[in-house]
Amino acid sequence: MAIIKVLRDHEFYLFMNGKLIYKKWLNHGYSKVFDVMAYDKFTLTSITDKGITHQSDN
């Protein structure tokens, strides 16, 4: 199971096995869960700053 965390501009993306499951707009505080089954209270990985990849549009 591959978990990838990406921080781009003011948006946080969480991918699991190449599929977007969670997105958060950091400057507004809004968030959207795309895959409820992959992101629930039984998920073994928590969302923290550890493992976040910072990307720029350069």
PDB file of N, CA and C in Angstrom:
ATOM      1  N   MET A   1       0.857  -1.169   0.000  1.00  0.00           N
ATOM      2  CA  MET A   1       0.000   0.000   0.000  1.00  0.00           C
ATOM      3  C   MET A   1       0.901   1.229   0.000  1.00  0.00           C
ATOM      4  N   ALA A   2       0.791   2.047  -1.036  1.00  0.00           N
ATOM      5  CA  ALA A   2       1.603   3.254  -1.168  1.00  0.00           C
ATOM      6  C   ALA A   2       0.784   4.475  -0.762  1.00  0.00           C
ATOM      7  N   ILE A   3       1.301   5.223   0.200  1.00  0.00           N
ATOM      8  CA  ILE A   3       0.670   6.459   0.659  1.00  0.00           C
ATOM      9  C   ILE A   3       1.560   7.612   0.219  1.00  0.00           C
ATOM     10  N   ILE A   4       1.015   8.561  -0.529  1.00  0.00           N
ATOM     11  CA  ILE A   4       1.774   9.727  -0.988  1.00  0.00           C
ATOM     12  C   ILE A   4       1.044  10.977  -0.537  1.00  0.00           C
ATOM     13  N   LYS A   5       1.790  11.874   0.138  1.00  0.00           N
ATOM     14  CA  LYS A   5       1.246  13.141   0.613  1.00  0.00           C
ATOM     15  C   LYS A   5       1.935  14.263  -0.156  1.00  0.00           C
ATOM     16  N   VAL A   6       1.148  15.143  -0.773  1.00  0.00           N
ATOM     17  CA  VAL A   6       1.696  16.219  -1.597  1.00  0.00           C
ATOM     18  C   VAL A   6       1.130  17.546  -1.119  1.00  0.00           C
ATOM     19  N   LEU A   7       2.011  18.530  -0.955  1.00  0.00           N
ATOM     20  CA  LEU A   7       1.607  19.885  -0.608  1.00  0.00           C
ATOM     21  C   LEU A   7       1.987  20.785  -1.769  1.00  0.00           C
ATOM     22  N   ARG A   8       0.998  21.321  -2.492  1.00  0.00           N
ATOM     23  CA  ARG A   8       1.229  22.157  -3.660  1.00  0.00           C
ATOM     24  C   ARG A   8       0.470  23.464  -3.472  1.00  0.00           C
ATOM     25  N   ASP A   9       1.203  24.576  -3.492  1.00  0.00           N
ATOM     26  CA  ASP A   9       0.642  25.902  -3.251  1.00  0.00           C
ATOM     27  C   ASP A   9      -0.074  25.890  -1.904  1.00  0.00           C
ATOM     28  N   HIS A  10      -1.380  26.071  -1.869  1.00  0.00           N
ATOM     29  CA  HIS A  10      -2.142  26.068  -0.619  1.00  0.00           C
ATOM     30  C   HIS A  10      -3.106  24.887  -0.587  1.00  0.00           C
ATOM     31  N   GLU A  11      -2.699  23.778  -1.202  1.00  0.00           N
ATOM     32  CA  GLU A  11      -3.545  22.595  -1.258  1.00  0.00           C
ATOM     33  C   GLU A  11      -2.754  21.364  -0.816  1.00  0.00           C
ATOM     34  N   PHE A  12      -3.405  20.517  -0.030  1.00  0.00           N
ATOM     35  CA  PHE A  12      -2.815  19.264   0.439  1.00  0.00           C
ATOM     36  C   PHE A  12      -3.559  18.116  -0.223  1.00  0.00           C
ATOM     37  N   TYR A  13      -2.821  17.175  -0.812  1.00  0.00           N
ATOM     38  CA  TYR A  13      -3.396  16.015  -1.478  1.00  0.00           C
ATOM     39  C   TYR A  13      -2.890  14.751  -0.796  1.00  0.00           C
ATOM     40  N   LEU A  14      -3.769  13.776  -0.632  1.00  0.00           N
ATOM     41  CA  LEU A  14      -3.380  12.477  -0.087  1.00  0.00           C
ATOM     42  C   LEU A  14      -3.798  11.407  -1.092  1.00  0.00           C
ATOM     43  N   PHE A  15      -2.797  10.661  -1.578  1.00  0.00           N
ATOM     44  CA  PHE A  15      -3.032   9.592  -2.542  1.00  0.00           C
ATOM     45  C   PHE A  15      -2.771   8.253  -1.877  1.00  0.00           C
ATOM     46  N   MET A  16      -3.577   7.264  -2.198  1.00  0.00           N
ATOM     47  CA  MET A  16      -3.346   5.904  -1.737  1.00  0.00           C
ATOM     48  C   MET A  16      -3.386   5.000  -2.962  1.00  0.00           C
ATOM     49  N   ASN A  17      -2.267   4.323  -3.215  1.00  0.00           N
ATOM     50  CA  ASN A  17      -2.132   3.458  -4.388  1.00  0.00           C
ATOM     51  C   ASN A  17      -2.432   4.211  -5.681  1.00  0.00           C
ATOM     52  N   GLY A  18      -1.971   5.465  -5.781  1.00  0.00           N
ATOM     53  CA  GLY A  18      -2.138   6.263  -6.988  1.00  0.00           C
ATOM     54  C   GLY A  18      -3.505   6.906  -7.145  1.00  0.00           C
ATOM     55  N   LYS A  19      -4.404   6.728  -6.193  1.00  0.00           N
ATOM     56  CA  LYS A  19      -5.765   7.266  -6.280  1.00  0.00           C
ATOM     57  C   LYS A  19      -5.936   8.373  -5.250  1.00  0.00           C
ATOM     58  N   LEU A  20      -6.448   9.524  -5.682  1.00  0.00           N
ATOM     59  CA  LEU A  20      -6.692  10.637  -4.770  1.00  0.00           C
ATOM     60  C   LEU A  20      -7.834  10.278  -3.824  1.00  0.00           C
ATOM     61  N   ILE A  21      -7.541  10.327  -2.508  1.00  0.00           N
ATOM     62  CA  ILE A  21      -8.587   9.986  -1.545  1.00  0.00           C
ATOM     63  C   ILE A  21      -8.963  11.165  -0.653  1.00  0.00           C
ATOM     64  N   TYR A  22      -8.097  12.216  -0.588  1.00  0.00           N
ATOM     65  CA  TYR A  22      -8.372  13.337   0.304  1.00  0.00           C
ATOM     66  C   TYR A  22      -7.696  14.591  -0.239  1.00  0.00           C
ATOM     67  N   LYS A  23      -8.403  15.728  -0.159  1.00  0.00           N
ATOM     68  CA  LYS A  23      -7.846  17.015  -0.565  1.00  0.00           C
ATOM     69  C   LYS A  23      -8.277  18.063   0.445  1.00  0.00           C
ATOM     70  N   LYS A  24      -7.333  18.958   0.811  1.00  0.00           N
ATOM     71  CA  LYS A  24      -7.644  20.036   1.740  1.00  0.00           C
ATOM     72  C   LYS A  24      -7.071  21.336   1.206  1.00  0.00           C
ATOM     73  N   TRP A  25      -7.890  22.383   1.208  1.00  0.00           N
ATOM     74  CA  TRP A  25      -7.463  23.719   0.844  1.00  0.00           C
ATOM     75  C   TRP A  25      -7.018  24.401   2.131  1.00  0.00           C
ATOM     76  N   LEU A  26      -5.711  24.607   2.287  1.00  0.00           N
ATOM     77  CA  LEU A  26      -5.149  25.075   3.547  1.00  0.00           C
ATOM     78  C   LEU A  26      -5.492  26.526   3.849  1.00  0.00           C
ATOM     79  N   ASN A  27      -5.602  27.367   2.837  1.00  0.00           N
ATOM     80  CA  ASN A  27      -5.891  28.777   3.097  1.00  0.00           C
ATOM     81  C   ASN A  27      -7.362  29.033   3.417  1.00  0.00           C
ATOM     82  N   HIS A  28      -8.249  28.087   3.113  1.00  0.00           N
ATOM     83  CA  HIS A  28      -9.676  28.252   3.409  1.00  0.00           C
ATOM     84  C   HIS A  28     -10.156  27.309   4.507  1.00  0.00           C
ATOM     85  N   GLY A  29      -9.446  26.204   4.723  1.00  0.00           N
ATOM     86  CA  GLY A  29      -9.841  25.239   5.742  1.00  0.00           C
ATOM     87  C   GLY A  29     -10.849  24.208   5.262  1.00  0.00           C
ATOM     88  N   TYR A  30     -11.214  24.243   3.974  1.00  0.00           N
ATOM     89  CA  TYR A  30     -12.146  23.262   3.429  1.00  0.00           C
ATOM     90  C   TYR A  30     -11.413  21.976   3.107  1.00  0.00           C
ATOM     91  N   SER A  31     -12.135  20.866   3.192  1.00  0.00           N
ATOM     92  CA  SER A  31     -11.548  19.588   2.808  1.00  0.00           C
ATOM     93  C   SER A  31     -12.603  18.723   2.139  1.00  0.00           C
ATOM     94  N   LYS A  32     -12.138  17.734   1.378  1.00  0.00           N
ATOM     95  CA  LYS A  32     -13.027  16.832   0.653  1.00  0.00           C
ATOM     96  C   LYS A  32     -12.449  15.432   0.704  1.00  0.00           C
ATOM     97  N   VAL A  33     -13.249  14.464   1.125  1.00  0.00           N
ATOM     98  CA  VAL A  33     -12.848  13.060   1.132  1.00  0.00           C
ATOM     99  C   VAL A  33     -13.434  12.420  -0.117  1.00  0.00           C
ATOM    100  N   PHE A  34     -12.566  11.831  -0.948  1.00  0.00           N
ATOM    101  CA  PHE A  34     -13.008  11.234  -2.202  1.00  0.00           C
ATOM    102  C   PHE A  34     -13.272   9.743  -2.074  1.00  0.00           C
ATOM    103  N   ASP A  35     -12.602   9.062  -1.173  1.00  0.00           N
ATOM    104  CA  ASP A  35     -12.783   7.621  -0.995  1.00  0.00           C
ATOM    105  C   ASP A  35     -12.986   7.338   0.489  1.00  0.00           C
ATOM    106  N   VAL A  36     -14.220   7.228   0.910  1.00  0.00           N
ATOM    107  CA  VAL A  36     -14.549   7.063   2.326  1.00  0.00           C
ATOM    108  C   VAL A  36     -14.023   5.741   2.869  1.00  0.00           C
ATOM    109  N   MET A  37     -14.021   4.699   2.072  1.00  0.00           N
ATOM    110  CA  MET A  37     -13.567   3.386   2.541  1.00  0.00           C
ATOM    111  C   MET A  37     -12.065   3.384   2.843  1.00  0.00           C
ATOM    112  N   ALA A  38     -11.281   4.138   2.080  1.00  0.00           N
ATOM    113  CA  ALA A  38      -9.832   4.175   2.299  1.00  0.00           C
ATOM    114  C   ALA A  38      -9.457   5.127   3.422  1.00  0.00           C
ATOM    115  N   TYR A  39     -10.315   6.073   3.742  1.00  0.00           N
ATOM    116  CA  TYR A  39      -9.997   7.108   4.727  1.00  0.00           C
ATOM    117  C   TYR A  39     -11.067   7.086   5.813  1.00  0.00           C
ATOM    118  N   ASP A  40     -10.900   6.207   6.771  1.00  0.00           N
ATOM    119  CA  ASP A  40     -11.853   6.133   7.870  1.00  0.00           C
ATOM    120  C   ASP A  40     -11.104   5.927   9.178  1.00  0.00           C
ATOM    121  N   LYS A  41     -11.795   5.662  10.257  1.00  0.00           N
ATOM    122  CA  LYS A  41     -11.137   5.558  11.555  1.00  0.00           C
ATOM    123  C   LYS A  41     -10.262   4.316  11.680  1.00  0.00           C
ATOM    124  N   PHE A  42     -10.371   3.378  10.757  1.00  0.00           N
ATOM    125  CA  PHE A  42      -9.566   2.171  10.807  1.00  0.00           C
ATOM    126  C   PHE A  42      -8.323   2.255   9.913  1.00  0.00           C
ATOM    127  N   THR A  43      -8.104   3.402   9.250  1.00  0.00           N
ATOM    128  CA  THR A  43      -6.925   3.579   8.409  1.00  0.00           C
ATOM    129  C   THR A  43      -5.677   3.607   9.288  1.00  0.00           C
ATOM    130  N   LEU A  44      -4.650   2.882   8.900  1.00  0.00           N
ATOM    131  CA  LEU A  44      -3.462   2.740   9.720  1.00  0.00           C
ATOM    132  C   LEU A  44      -2.516   3.936   9.634  1.00  0.00           C
ATOM    133  N   THR A  45      -2.645   4.775   8.611  1.00  0.00           N
ATOM    134  CA  THR A  45      -1.757   5.916   8.438  1.00  0.00           C
ATOM    135  C   THR A  45      -2.495   7.195   8.752  1.00  0.00           C
ATOM    136  N   SER A  46      -1.906   8.024   9.600  1.00  0.00           N
ATOM    137  CA  SER A  46      -2.520   9.303   9.914  1.00  0.00           C
ATOM    138  C   SER A  46      -1.942  10.386   9.018  1.00  0.00           C
ATOM    139  N   ILE A  47      -2.664  11.476   8.887  1.00  0.00           N
ATOM    140  CA  ILE A  47      -2.205  12.597   8.078  1.00  0.00           C
ATOM    141  C   ILE A  47      -1.390  13.512   8.972  1.00  0.00           C
ATOM    142  N   THR A  48      -0.087  13.520   8.757  1.00  0.00           N
ATOM    143  CA  THR A  48       0.810  14.402   9.498  1.00  0.00           C
ATOM    144  C   THR A  48       1.774  15.040   8.517  1.00  0.00           C
ATOM    145  N   ASP A  49       2.616  15.924   9.004  1.00  0.00           N
ATOM    146  CA  ASP A  49       3.595  16.569   8.136  1.00  0.00           C
ATOM    147  C   ASP A  49       4.702  15.618   7.701  1.00  0.00           C
ATOM    148  N   LYS A  50       4.885  14.513   8.395  1.00  0.00           N
ATOM    149  CA  LYS A  50       5.922  13.557   8.027  1.00  0.00           C
ATOM    150  C   LYS A  50       5.562  12.901   6.683  1.00  0.00           C
ATOM    151  N   GLY A  51       6.467  12.980   5.747  1.00  0.00           N
ATOM    152  CA  GLY A  51       6.256  12.356   4.456  1.00  0.00           C
ATOM    153  C   GLY A  51       5.584  13.238   3.423  1.00  0.00           C
ATOM    154  N   ILE A  52       5.376  14.513   3.713  1.00  0.00           N
ATOM    155  CA  ILE A  52       4.746  15.425   2.752  1.00  0.00           C
ATOM    156  C   ILE A  52       5.787  15.860   1.733  1.00  0.00           C
ATOM    157  N   THR A  53       5.428  15.798   0.458  1.00  0.00           N
ATOM    158  CA  THR A  53       6.294  16.248  -0.614  1.00  0.00           C
ATOM    159  C   THR A  53       5.845  17.639  -1.029  1.00  0.00           C
ATOM    160  N   HIS A  54       6.760  18.601  -0.983  1.00  0.00           N
ATOM    161  CA  HIS A  54       6.453  19.963  -1.409  1.00  0.00           C
ATOM    162  C   HIS A  54       6.778  20.100  -2.892  1.00  0.00           C
ATOM    163  N   GLN A  55       5.805  20.575  -3.664  1.00  0.00           N
ATOM    164  CA  GLN A  55       6.012  20.751  -5.093  1.00  0.00           C
ATOM    165  C   GLN A  55       5.648  22.177  -5.471  1.00  0.00           C
ATOM    166  N   SER A  56       6.391  22.735  -6.408  1.00  0.00           N
ATOM    167  CA  SER A  56       6.079  24.066  -6.925  1.00  0.00           C
ATOM    168  C   SER A  56       5.760  23.939  -8.413  1.00  0.00           C
ATOM    169  N   ASP A  57       5.136  24.959  -8.953  1.00  0.00           N
ATOM    170  CA  ASP A  57       4.737  24.944 -10.368  1.00  0.00           C
ATOM    171  C   ASP A  57       5.836  25.479 -11.275  1.00  0.00           C
ATOM    172  N   ASN A  58       7.070  25.533 -10.799  1.00  0.00           N
ATOM    173  CA  ASN A  58       8.180  26.076 -11.606  1.00  0.00           C
ATOM    174  C   ASN A  58       8.539  25.156 -12.723  1.00  0.00           C
TER     175      ASN A  58
END
